[in-house]
Amino acid sequence: MAQVKLYGRADRLRARREAWSELVHASLVEAFGLPPEKRFQRFIGLDPADFVYPAGRSEDYTIIEIVLFEGRSVESKKALYAQLYTRAAAAGVTAADLEITLIETPRHDWGIRGLPGDELELSYRVDA
């Protein structure tokens, strides 16, 4: 399970929303083995006055926050970062303009389809 939030300037996110959606999901499928139909994404576009970031970033600066079940290996997380940076670069976003944060929580801290997350039968692994 992975819930994705992308934060950025509203105009820039809107212009690249489909590209972001595809590249983030493809990266999660490849690096984490998520099923292709498991796409959970939210785009949070901010007014420039509400999105303060350090010098050295452009108007394309984007933050990707992914909340997920704990258990994935450091290697698979690094593979995800590499996939995201490679695909973002192909979409015209530099490494300096992309930050990624993974937030892991125990499965029992999730409620999904009427069950605690640790009682769900999953068709994919979360410990690889």
C-alpha atoms as a PDB file:
ATOM      1  CA  MET A   1       0.000   0.000   0.000  1.00  0.00           C
ATOM      2  CA  ALA A   2       1.264   3.463  -0.846  1.00  0.00           C
ATOM      3  CA  GLN A   3      -0.564   6.782  -0.683  1.00  0.00           C
ATOM      4  CA  VAL A   4       1.161   9.501  -2.728  1.00  0.00           C
ATOM      5  CA  LYS A   5       0.937  13.271  -2.277  1.00  0.00           C
ATOM      6  CA  LEU A   6       2.641  15.670  -4.657  1.00  0.00           C
ATOM      7  CA  TYR A   7       3.100  19.279  -3.588  1.00  0.00           C
ATOM      8  CA  GLY A   8       4.104  22.086  -5.889  1.00  0.00           C
ATOM      9  CA  ARG A   9       3.042  25.335  -7.459  1.00  0.00           C
ATOM     10  CA  ALA A  10      -0.527  24.872  -8.697  1.00  0.00           C
ATOM     11  CA  ASP A  11       0.233  26.049 -12.233  1.00  0.00           C
ATOM     12  CA  ARG A  12       3.284  23.793 -12.579  1.00  0.00           C
ATOM     13  CA  LEU A  13       1.591  20.696 -11.122  1.00  0.00           C
ATOM     14  CA  ARG A  14      -1.455  21.209 -13.325  1.00  0.00           C
ATOM     15  CA  ALA A  15       0.732  21.415 -16.434  1.00  0.00           C
ATOM     16  CA  ARG A  16       2.486  18.116 -15.614  1.00  0.00           C
ATOM     17  CA  ARG A  17      -0.218  16.238 -13.677  1.00  0.00           C
ATOM     18  CA  GLU A  18      -0.555  13.332 -16.129  1.00  0.00           C
ATOM     19  CA  ALA A  19       3.217  13.005 -16.537  1.00  0.00           C
ATOM     20  CA  TRP A  20       3.712  13.049 -12.751  1.00  0.00           C
ATOM     21  CA  SER A  21       0.942  10.495 -12.255  1.00  0.00           C
ATOM     22  CA  GLU A  22       2.462   8.103 -14.770  1.00  0.00           C
ATOM     23  CA  LEU A  23       6.078   8.464 -13.694  1.00  0.00           C
ATOM     24  CA  VAL A  24       5.346   8.106  -9.971  1.00  0.00           C
ATOM     25  CA  HIS A  25       3.132   5.088 -10.474  1.00  0.00           C
ATOM     26  CA  ALA A  26       5.537   3.388 -12.900  1.00  0.00           C
ATOM     27  CA  SER A  27       8.338   3.906 -10.366  1.00  0.00           C
ATOM     28  CA  LEU A  28       6.298   2.365  -7.535  1.00  0.00           C
ATOM     29  CA  VAL A  29       5.301  -0.601  -9.697  1.00  0.00           C
ATOM     30  CA  GLU A  30       8.898  -1.221 -10.763  1.00  0.00           C
ATOM     31  CA  ALA A  31      10.722  -0.583  -7.476  1.00  0.00           C
ATOM     32  CA  PHE A  32       8.144  -1.905  -5.001  1.00  0.00           C
ATOM     33  CA  GLY A  33       6.202  -4.374  -7.107  1.00  0.00           C
ATOM     34  CA  LEU A  34       2.877  -2.633  -6.537  1.00  0.00           C
ATOM     35  CA  PRO A  35       0.087  -3.969  -8.730  1.00  0.00           C
ATOM     36  CA  PRO A  36      -0.610  -1.666 -11.703  1.00  0.00           C
ATOM     37  CA  GLU A  37      -4.195  -1.059 -10.547  1.00  0.00           C
ATOM     38  CA  LYS A  38      -3.091   0.244  -7.102  1.00  0.00           C
ATOM     39  CA  ARG A  39      -2.791   3.958  -7.860  1.00  0.00           C
ATOM     40  CA  PHE A  40      -3.510   6.323  -4.953  1.00  0.00           C
ATOM     41  CA  GLN A  41      -2.405   9.897  -5.689  1.00  0.00           C
ATOM     42  CA  ARG A  42      -3.268  13.426  -4.614  1.00  0.00           C
ATOM     43  CA  PHE A  43      -1.966  16.585  -6.252  1.00  0.00           C
ATOM     44  CA  ILE A  44      -1.740  19.526  -3.894  1.00  0.00           C
ATOM     45  CA  GLY A  45      -1.201  22.662  -5.913  1.00  0.00           C
ATOM     46  CA  LEU A  46      -0.227  25.734  -3.951  1.00  0.00           C
ATOM     47  CA  ASP A  47      -0.321  29.432  -4.676  1.00  0.00           C
ATOM     48  CA  PRO A  48       3.269  30.703  -5.063  1.00  0.00           C
ATOM     49  CA  ALA A  49       2.832  32.776  -1.875  1.00  0.00           C
ATOM     50  CA  ASP A  50       1.992  29.565   0.036  1.00  0.00           C
ATOM     51  CA  PHE A  51       4.910  27.495  -1.223  1.00  0.00           C
ATOM     52  CA  VAL A  52       8.178  28.721   0.224  1.00  0.00           C
ATOM     53  CA  TYR A  53      11.343  26.887  -0.772  1.00  0.00           C
ATOM     54  CA  PRO A  54      15.080  27.557  -0.659  1.00  0.00           C
ATOM     55  CA  ALA A  55      17.210  29.304  -3.248  1.00  0.00           C
ATOM     56  CA  GLY A  56      18.534  27.088  -5.997  1.00  0.00           C
ATOM     57  CA  ARG A  57      15.123  25.616  -6.809  1.00  0.00           C
ATOM     58  CA  SER A  58      12.965  26.677  -9.740  1.00  0.00           C
ATOM     59  CA  GLU A  59       9.233  27.111 -10.178  1.00  0.00           C
ATOM     60  CA  ASP A  60       9.157  23.352 -10.936  1.00  0.00           C
ATOM     61  CA  TYR A  61      10.184  22.474  -7.366  1.00  0.00           C
ATOM     62  CA  THR A  62       8.046  19.506  -6.305  1.00  0.00           C
ATOM     63  CA  ILE A  63       7.808  17.445  -3.125  1.00  0.00           C
ATOM     64  CA  ILE A  64       6.655  13.840  -3.308  1.00  0.00           C
ATOM     65  CA  GLU A  65       5.484  12.361  -0.016  1.00  0.00           C
ATOM     66  CA  ILE A  66       4.650   8.656   0.042  1.00  0.00           C
ATOM     67  CA  VAL A  67       2.963   7.060   3.046  1.00  0.00           C
ATOM     68  CA  LEU A  68       3.347   3.295   2.976  1.00  0.00           C
ATOM     69  CA  PHE A  69       3.307   0.096   4.968  1.00  0.00           C
ATOM     70  CA  GLU A  70       6.616  -0.415   6.741  1.00  0.00           C
ATOM     71  CA  GLY A  71       8.863  -3.270   5.753  1.00  0.00           C
ATOM     72  CA  ARG A  72      10.513  -2.501   2.452  1.00  0.00           C
ATOM     73  CA  SER A  73      14.265  -2.878   2.192  1.00  0.00           C
ATOM     74  CA  VAL A  74      16.691   0.012   1.947  1.00  0.00           C
ATOM     75  CA  GLU A  75      17.657  -1.316  -1.494  1.00  0.00           C
ATOM     76  CA  SER A  76      14.073  -1.129  -2.792  1.00  0.00           C
ATOM     77  CA  LYS A  77      13.707   2.409  -1.395  1.00  0.00           C
ATOM     78  CA  LYS A  78      16.899   3.492  -3.142  1.00  0.00           C
ATOM     79  CA  ALA A  79      15.639   1.861  -6.335  1.00  0.00           C
ATOM     80  CA  LEU A  80      12.451   3.913  -6.009  1.00  0.00           C
ATOM     81  CA  TYR A  81      14.417   7.157  -5.599  1.00  0.00           C
ATOM     82  CA  ALA A  82      16.520   6.315  -8.659  1.00  0.00           C
ATOM     83  CA  GLN A  83      13.424   5.534 -10.735  1.00  0.00           C
ATOM     84  CA  LEU A  84      11.719   8.768  -9.671  1.00  0.00           C
ATOM     85  CA  TYR A  85      14.752  10.951 -10.405  1.00  0.00           C
ATOM     86  CA  THR A  86      15.357   9.287 -13.779  1.00  0.00           C
ATOM     87  CA  ARG A  87      11.750   9.582 -14.879  1.00  0.00           C
ATOM     88  CA  ALA A  88      11.395  13.147 -13.566  1.00  0.00           C
ATOM     89  CA  ALA A  89      14.490  14.181 -15.534  1.00  0.00           C
ATOM     90  CA  ALA A  90      12.951  12.684 -18.677  1.00  0.00           C
ATOM     91  CA  ALA A  91       9.870  14.846 -17.967  1.00  0.00           C
ATOM     92  CA  GLY A  92      12.056  17.958 -17.658  1.00  0.00           C
ATOM     93  CA  VAL A  93      12.356  18.235 -13.859  1.00  0.00           C
ATOM     94  CA  THR A  94      15.889  18.472 -12.476  1.00  0.00           C
ATOM     95  CA  ALA A  95      17.116  16.579  -9.432  1.00  0.00           C
ATOM     96  CA  ALA A  96      17.447  19.905  -7.580  1.00  0.00           C
ATOM     97  CA  ASP A  97      13.714  20.481  -8.093  1.00  0.00           C
ATOM     98  CA  LEU A  98      12.533  17.154  -6.659  1.00  0.00           C
ATOM     99  CA  GLU A  99      12.453  16.001  -3.053  1.00  0.00           C
ATOM    100  CA  ILE A 100      11.047  12.661  -1.959  1.00  0.00           C
ATOM    101  CA  THR A 101       9.999  11.574   1.506  1.00  0.00           C
ATOM    102  CA  LEU A 102       8.863   8.084   2.475  1.00  0.00           C
ATOM    103  CA  ILE A 103       6.762   7.816   5.627  1.00  0.00           C
ATOM    104  CA  GLU A 104       6.422   4.242   6.842  1.00  0.00           C
ATOM    105  CA  THR A 105       3.793   3.105   9.304  1.00  0.00           C
ATOM    106  CA  PRO A 106       2.920  -0.337  10.671  1.00  0.00           C
ATOM    107  CA  ARG A 107       0.136  -2.100   8.824  1.00  0.00           C
ATOM    108  CA  HIS A 108      -2.010  -2.119  11.963  1.00  0.00           C
ATOM    109  CA  ASP A 109      -2.073   1.712  11.803  1.00  0.00           C
ATOM    110  CA  TRP A 110      -4.107   1.618   8.577  1.00  0.00           C
ATOM    111  CA  GLY A 111      -7.841   1.065   8.162  1.00  0.00           C
ATOM    112  CA  ILE A 112      -8.700  -0.158   4.653  1.00  0.00           C
ATOM    113  CA  ARG A 113     -11.931  -1.605   3.272  1.00  0.00           C
ATOM    114  CA  GLY A 114     -13.312  -2.072   6.800  1.00  0.00           C
ATOM    115  CA  LEU A 115     -10.285  -3.893   8.211  1.00  0.00           C
ATOM    116  CA  PRO A 116      -7.063  -3.053  10.005  1.00  0.00           C
ATOM    117  CA  GLY A 117      -4.225  -3.125   7.491  1.00  0.00           C
ATOM    118  CA  ASP A 118      -2.540  -6.084   9.183  1.00  0.00           C
ATOM    119  CA  GLU A 119      -5.645  -8.206   8.547  1.00  0.00           C
ATOM    120  CA  LEU A 120      -5.790  -7.516   4.811  1.00  0.00           C
ATOM    121  CA  GLU A 121      -4.897 -10.204   2.302  1.00  0.00           C
ATOM    122  CA  LEU A 122      -2.521  -8.554  -0.163  1.00  0.00           C
ATOM    123  CA  SER A 123      -1.630  -9.738  -3.640  1.00  0.00           C
ATOM    124  CA  TYR A 124       1.848  -8.209  -3.367  1.00  0.00           C
ATOM    125  CA  ARG A 125       4.732  -8.109  -0.904  1.00  0.00           C
ATOM    126  CA  VAL A 126       5.600  -5.179   1.330  1.00  0.00           C
ATOM    127  CA  ASP A 127       8.779  -6.658   2.774  1.00  0.00           C
ATOM    128  CA  ALA A 128      11.022  -6.794  -0.287  1.00  0.00           C
END
